[in-house]
Amino acid sequence: MRTSPVTALVASLLLTGSAIGVSAAQAPKAAKPAATHAAAPAKEHSAMGTVKSVDATTLVLHTKKGDMSFNVGSAMHKEVATTGANVTVHYKTEGKTMTATDVMAAPAAAPAKKKK
């Protein structure tokens, strides 16, 4: 039996195509690359106010916007953060938690000048 060149070409393409499809299906899928964006570092903020209360783990600061509660640790200078003291708190937020990174004495507010 004599086959035409076109028939032979079609048969070889079909066999080659199915072999490529089978090898592609059997090849292990490449692992997804690791996330290129790491979690963004917590942004640092600061607040000024009067220390309302303080204990070993928490500092409550009374500000113009209301009371703010901070988790503290080694960032707190015990001689600076006493009840009634004016302080500046540098802090980072992680979710809804505010963690103090530094507590410094703030200058006392200057009395308002009286008009003559």
N, C-alpha and C. Protein backbone atom coordinates (compact mmCIF):
# COMPACT_ATOMS: atom_id res chain seq x y z
N MET A 1 0.83 -1.15 0.00
CA MET A 1 0.00 0.00 0.00
C MET A 1 0.89 1.23 0.00
N ARG A 2 0.51 2.13 -0.83
CA ARG A 2 1.29 3.34 -1.00
C ARG A 2 0.58 4.48 -0.28
N THR A 3 1.33 5.24 0.57
CA THR A 3 0.72 6.36 1.29
C THR A 3 1.19 7.65 0.66
N SER A 4 0.34 8.57 0.65
CA SER A 4 0.70 9.86 0.06
C SER A 4 1.50 10.66 1.11
N PRO A 5 2.33 11.56 0.63
CA PRO A 5 3.13 12.36 1.56
C PRO A 5 2.25 13.19 2.51
N VAL A 6 1.09 13.60 2.05
CA VAL A 6 0.20 14.40 2.90
C VAL A 6 -0.33 13.54 4.04
N THR A 7 -0.69 12.31 3.76
CA THR A 7 -1.20 11.42 4.79
C THR A 7 -0.12 11.13 5.83
N ALA A 8 1.09 10.92 5.37
CA ALA A 8 2.19 10.65 6.28
C ALA A 8 2.48 11.87 7.16
N LEU A 9 2.40 13.04 6.58
CA LEU A 9 2.64 14.26 7.32
C LEU A 9 1.57 14.47 8.40
N VAL A 10 0.31 14.24 8.04
CA VAL A 10 -0.78 14.40 9.00
C VAL A 10 -0.64 13.40 10.13
N ALA A 11 -0.30 12.17 9.82
CA ALA A 11 -0.15 11.13 10.83
C ALA A 11 1.00 11.47 11.80
N SER A 12 2.11 11.97 11.26
CA SER A 12 3.23 12.31 12.13
C SER A 12 2.91 13.52 13.02
N LEU A 13 2.17 14.48 12.50
CA LEU A 13 1.77 15.63 13.31
C LEU A 13 0.83 15.21 14.44
N LEU A 14 -0.09 14.32 14.15
CA LEU A 14 -1.01 13.85 15.18
C LEU A 14 -0.27 13.11 16.28
N LEU A 15 0.66 12.24 15.90
CA LEU A 15 1.41 11.48 16.90
C LEU A 15 2.33 12.41 17.71
N THR A 16 2.97 13.34 17.05
CA THR A 16 3.86 14.26 17.73
C THR A 16 3.07 15.17 18.66
N GLY A 17 1.96 15.68 18.20
CA GLY A 17 1.12 16.56 19.01
C GLY A 17 0.60 15.86 20.23
N SER A 18 0.18 14.61 20.11
CA SER A 18 -0.34 13.90 21.28
C SER A 18 0.79 13.58 22.26
N ALA A 19 1.99 13.33 21.76
CA ALA A 19 3.12 13.07 22.65
C ALA A 19 3.50 14.33 23.43
N ILE A 20 3.44 15.47 22.77
CA ILE A 20 3.75 16.72 23.46
C ILE A 20 2.69 17.01 24.51
N GLY A 21 1.43 16.77 24.18
CA GLY A 21 0.36 17.00 25.13
C GLY A 21 0.48 16.10 26.35
N VAL A 22 0.88 14.84 26.15
CA VAL A 22 1.03 13.90 27.26
C VAL A 22 2.21 14.32 28.13
N SER A 23 3.33 14.71 27.54
CA SER A 23 4.49 15.08 28.33
C SER A 23 4.23 16.38 29.10
N ALA A 24 3.47 17.29 28.51
CA ALA A 24 3.14 18.52 29.21
C ALA A 24 2.21 18.23 30.38
N ALA A 25 1.31 17.29 30.22
CA ALA A 25 0.39 16.96 31.30
C ALA A 25 1.11 16.24 32.44
N GLN A 26 2.18 15.48 32.12
CA GLN A 26 2.90 14.74 33.14
C GLN A 26 3.99 15.58 33.81
N ALA A 27 4.39 16.68 33.19
CA ALA A 27 5.44 17.51 33.78
C ALA A 27 4.94 18.14 35.07
N PRO A 28 5.78 18.13 36.10
CA PRO A 28 5.34 18.75 37.35
C PRO A 28 5.15 20.25 37.16
N LYS A 29 4.14 20.75 37.80
CA LYS A 29 3.85 22.18 37.68
C LYS A 29 4.92 22.96 38.45
N ALA A 30 5.33 24.06 37.88
CA ALA A 30 6.33 24.90 38.54
C ALA A 30 5.72 25.53 39.78
N ALA A 31 6.51 25.57 40.82
CA ALA A 31 6.03 26.19 42.06
C ALA A 31 5.82 27.67 41.83
N LYS A 32 4.80 28.21 42.48
CA LYS A 32 4.55 29.64 42.33
C LYS A 32 5.69 30.38 43.01
N PRO A 33 6.15 31.46 42.39
CA PRO A 33 7.23 32.21 43.04
C PRO A 33 6.75 32.82 44.34
N ALA A 34 7.68 32.97 45.25
CA ALA A 34 7.34 33.56 46.55
C ALA A 34 6.83 34.97 46.33
N ALA A 35 6.02 35.42 47.24
CA ALA A 35 5.48 36.77 47.12
C ALA A 35 6.63 37.76 47.06
N THR A 36 6.56 38.65 46.09
CA THR A 36 7.64 39.61 45.91
C THR A 36 7.49 40.78 46.87
N HIS A 37 6.29 40.98 47.39
CA HIS A 37 6.07 42.08 48.32
C HIS A 37 6.01 41.54 49.73
N ALA A 38 7.00 41.87 50.51
CA ALA A 38 6.98 41.49 51.92
C ALA A 38 5.97 42.37 52.63
N ALA A 39 5.56 41.94 53.80
CA ALA A 39 4.62 42.76 54.55
C ALA A 39 5.25 44.12 54.79
N ALA A 40 4.46 45.15 54.55
CA ALA A 40 4.97 46.51 54.72
C ALA A 40 5.32 46.75 56.18
N PRO A 41 6.45 47.36 56.41
CA PRO A 41 6.80 47.63 57.80
C PRO A 41 5.78 48.59 58.41
N ALA A 42 5.60 48.43 59.70
CA ALA A 42 4.65 49.29 60.39
C ALA A 42 5.12 50.73 60.32
N LYS A 43 4.21 51.63 60.03
CA LYS A 43 4.54 53.04 59.91
C LYS A 43 4.65 53.65 61.30
N GLU A 44 5.65 54.50 61.48
CA GLU A 44 5.84 55.12 62.79
C GLU A 44 5.08 56.43 62.88
N HIS A 45 4.47 56.65 64.02
CA HIS A 45 3.69 57.85 64.30
C HIS A 45 4.20 58.46 65.60
N SER A 46 3.69 59.64 65.94
CA SER A 46 4.00 60.23 67.24
C SER A 46 2.78 60.94 67.77
N ALA A 47 2.71 61.04 69.09
CA ALA A 47 1.60 61.72 69.75
C ALA A 47 2.15 62.47 70.94
N MET A 48 1.60 63.67 71.18
CA MET A 48 2.00 64.46 72.33
C MET A 48 0.80 64.60 73.26
N GLY A 49 1.07 64.56 74.55
CA GLY A 49 0.00 64.74 75.50
C GLY A 49 0.50 64.59 76.92
N THR A 50 -0.46 64.43 77.81
CA THR A 50 -0.18 64.30 79.24
C THR A 50 -0.41 62.85 79.65
N VAL A 51 0.51 62.30 80.42
CA VAL A 51 0.38 60.92 80.88
C VAL A 51 -0.80 60.86 81.86
N LYS A 52 -1.79 60.06 81.49
CA LYS A 52 -2.97 59.89 82.35
C LYS A 52 -2.71 58.79 83.37
N SER A 53 -2.14 57.67 82.89
CA SER A 53 -1.78 56.58 83.79
C SER A 53 -0.65 55.78 83.15
N VAL A 54 0.08 55.06 83.99
CA VAL A 54 1.20 54.27 83.51
C VAL A 54 1.39 53.09 84.44
N ASP A 55 1.71 51.92 83.83
CA ASP A 55 2.11 50.75 84.62
C ASP A 55 3.22 50.04 83.85
N ALA A 56 3.55 48.83 84.22
CA ALA A 56 4.69 48.13 83.62
C ALA A 56 4.51 47.83 82.14
N THR A 57 3.27 47.69 81.66
CA THR A 57 3.05 47.29 80.27
C THR A 57 2.24 48.28 79.45
N THR A 58 1.60 49.26 80.08
CA THR A 58 0.69 50.15 79.36
C THR A 58 0.90 51.60 79.78
N LEU A 59 0.81 52.50 78.81
CA LEU A 59 0.84 53.92 79.07
C LEU A 59 -0.41 54.51 78.43
N VAL A 60 -1.17 55.28 79.19
CA VAL A 60 -2.36 55.95 78.66
C VAL A 60 -2.04 57.43 78.58
N LEU A 61 -2.19 57.98 77.38
CA LEU A 61 -1.84 59.36 77.10
C LEU A 61 -3.10 60.15 76.80
N HIS A 62 -3.28 61.29 77.45
CA HIS A 62 -4.43 62.16 77.18
C HIS A 62 -3.96 63.19 76.15
N THR A 63 -4.58 63.17 74.95
CA THR A 63 -4.22 64.09 73.87
C THR A 63 -5.42 64.96 73.53
N LYS A 64 -5.24 65.87 72.60
CA LYS A 64 -6.34 66.72 72.13
C LYS A 64 -7.45 65.89 71.50
N LYS A 65 -7.08 64.75 70.91
CA LYS A 65 -8.06 63.88 70.24
C LYS A 65 -8.70 62.88 71.19
N GLY A 66 -8.23 62.83 72.44
CA GLY A 66 -8.76 61.86 73.40
C GLY A 66 -7.65 61.00 73.96
N ASP A 67 -8.04 59.99 74.72
CA ASP A 67 -7.06 59.11 75.35
C ASP A 67 -6.54 58.08 74.35
N MET A 68 -5.24 57.83 74.43
CA MET A 68 -4.59 56.81 73.59
C MET A 68 -3.85 55.87 74.51
N SER A 69 -3.97 54.55 74.25
CA SER A 69 -3.33 53.54 75.08
C SER A 69 -2.22 52.85 74.27
N PHE A 70 -1.03 52.76 74.86
CA PHE A 70 0.13 52.18 74.18
C PHE A 70 0.68 51.01 74.98
N ASN A 71 1.10 49.97 74.26
CA ASN A 71 1.89 48.90 74.88
C ASN A 71 3.29 49.45 75.01
N VAL A 72 3.91 49.25 76.16
CA VAL A 72 5.27 49.75 76.37
C VAL A 72 6.15 48.63 76.89
N GLY A 73 7.41 48.86 76.81
CA GLY A 73 8.39 47.90 77.32
C GLY A 73 9.64 48.68 77.61
N SER A 74 10.71 48.33 76.94
CA SER A 74 11.97 49.02 77.16
C SER A 74 11.95 50.43 76.58
N ALA A 75 10.95 50.76 75.77
CA ALA A 75 10.88 52.09 75.16
C ALA A 75 10.54 53.17 76.17
N MET A 76 9.99 52.79 77.31
CA MET A 76 9.52 53.78 78.26
C MET A 76 10.62 54.15 79.25
N HIS A 77 10.85 55.43 79.37
CA HIS A 77 11.78 55.95 80.37
C HIS A 77 10.96 56.24 81.62
N LYS A 78 11.14 55.44 82.63
CA LYS A 78 10.29 55.53 83.83
C LYS A 78 10.35 56.89 84.50
N GLU A 79 11.51 57.55 84.46
CA GLU A 79 11.61 58.86 85.08
C GLU A 79 10.88 59.93 84.27
N VAL A 80 10.66 59.70 82.98
CA VAL A 80 9.98 60.66 82.11
C VAL A 80 8.47 60.44 82.15
N ALA A 81 8.06 59.18 82.11
CA ALA A 81 6.64 58.85 81.98
C ALA A 81 6.00 58.68 83.35
N THR A 82 5.78 59.80 84.01
CA THR A 82 5.08 59.76 85.29
C THR A 82 3.72 60.42 85.10
N THR A 83 2.77 60.05 85.89
CA THR A 83 1.42 60.60 85.77
C THR A 83 1.48 62.13 85.83
N GLY A 84 0.84 62.76 84.84
CA GLY A 84 0.80 64.22 84.76
C GLY A 84 1.91 64.84 83.93
N ALA A 85 2.89 64.06 83.51
CA ALA A 85 4.01 64.59 82.73
C ALA A 85 3.60 64.80 81.28
N ASN A 86 4.15 65.85 80.65
CA ASN A 86 3.96 66.07 79.22
C ASN A 86 5.02 65.25 78.49
N VAL A 87 4.57 64.40 77.56
CA VAL A 87 5.50 63.53 76.85
C VAL A 87 5.16 63.47 75.36
N THR A 88 6.13 63.04 74.59
CA THR A 88 5.92 62.69 73.19
C THR A 88 6.16 61.19 73.08
N VAL A 89 5.21 60.49 72.51
CA VAL A 89 5.32 59.03 72.33
C VAL A 89 5.47 58.74 70.84
N HIS A 90 6.55 58.08 70.49
CA HIS A 90 6.72 57.58 69.12
C HIS A 90 6.24 56.13 69.16
N TYR A 91 5.40 55.75 68.19
CA TYR A 91 4.82 54.42 68.24
C TYR A 91 4.58 53.86 66.84
N LYS A 92 4.41 52.55 66.80
CA LYS A 92 4.07 51.84 65.56
C LYS A 92 2.72 51.17 65.76
N THR A 93 1.96 51.10 64.69
CA THR A 93 0.67 50.41 64.76
C THR A 93 0.77 49.08 64.04
N GLU A 94 0.23 48.06 64.66
CA GLU A 94 0.16 46.72 64.06
C GLU A 94 -1.27 46.27 64.28
N GLY A 95 -2.07 46.40 63.24
CA GLY A 95 -3.49 46.13 63.40
C GLY A 95 -4.09 47.25 64.24
N LYS A 96 -4.72 46.91 65.32
CA LYS A 96 -5.30 47.92 66.21
C LYS A 96 -4.42 48.18 67.43
N THR A 97 -3.25 47.54 67.48
CA THR A 97 -2.35 47.68 68.62
C THR A 97 -1.34 48.78 68.36
N MET A 98 -1.19 49.68 69.33
CA MET A 98 -0.18 50.74 69.25
C MET A 98 0.94 50.39 70.23
N THR A 99 2.15 50.25 69.71
CA THR A 99 3.29 49.88 70.53
C THR A 99 4.28 51.03 70.55
N ALA A 100 4.58 51.53 71.75
CA ALA A 100 5.51 52.64 71.90
C ALA A 100 6.92 52.19 71.55
N THR A 101 7.62 52.99 70.75
CA THR A 101 9.02 52.72 70.43
C THR A 101 9.94 53.66 71.18
N ASP A 102 9.41 54.82 71.62
CA ASP A 102 10.19 55.77 72.39
C ASP A 102 9.24 56.71 73.13
N VAL A 103 9.58 57.05 74.36
CA VAL A 103 8.80 57.99 75.17
C VAL A 103 9.78 59.05 75.65
N MET A 104 9.53 60.30 75.29
CA MET A 104 10.44 61.39 75.65
C MET A 104 9.66 62.51 76.31
N ALA A 105 10.34 63.24 77.18
CA ALA A 105 9.72 64.40 77.82
C ALA A 105 9.46 65.46 76.76
N ALA A 106 8.28 66.07 76.83
CA ALA A 106 7.93 67.14 75.90
C ALA A 106 8.02 68.46 76.65
N PRO A 107 8.36 69.53 75.96
CA PRO A 107 8.41 70.81 76.66
C PRO A 107 7.01 71.19 77.15
N ALA A 108 6.99 71.81 78.30
CA ALA A 108 5.70 72.25 78.85
C ALA A 108 5.15 73.33 77.94
N ALA A 109 3.85 73.36 77.81
CA ALA A 109 3.20 74.37 76.96
C ALA A 109 3.45 75.74 77.55
N ALA A 110 3.86 76.67 76.71
CA ALA A 110 4.11 78.03 77.16
C ALA A 110 2.77 78.71 77.45
N PRO A 111 2.69 79.49 78.52
CA PRO A 111 1.44 80.18 78.80
C PRO A 111 1.13 81.18 77.70
N ALA A 112 -0.14 81.38 77.42
CA ALA A 112 -0.55 82.31 76.38
C ALA A 112 -0.22 83.73 76.81
N LYS A 113 0.26 84.50 75.86
CA LYS A 113 0.59 85.89 76.17
C LYS A 113 -0.69 86.71 76.26
N LYS A 114 -0.75 87.57 77.25
CA LYS A 114 -1.91 88.42 77.43
C LYS A 114 -1.78 89.67 76.58
N LYS A 115 -2.86 90.07 75.97
CA LYS A 115 -2.86 91.29 75.18
C LYS A 115 -3.01 92.48 76.12
N LYS A 116 -2.33 93.54 75.81
CA LYS A 116 -2.41 94.74 76.65
C LYS A 116 -3.45 95.68 76.16
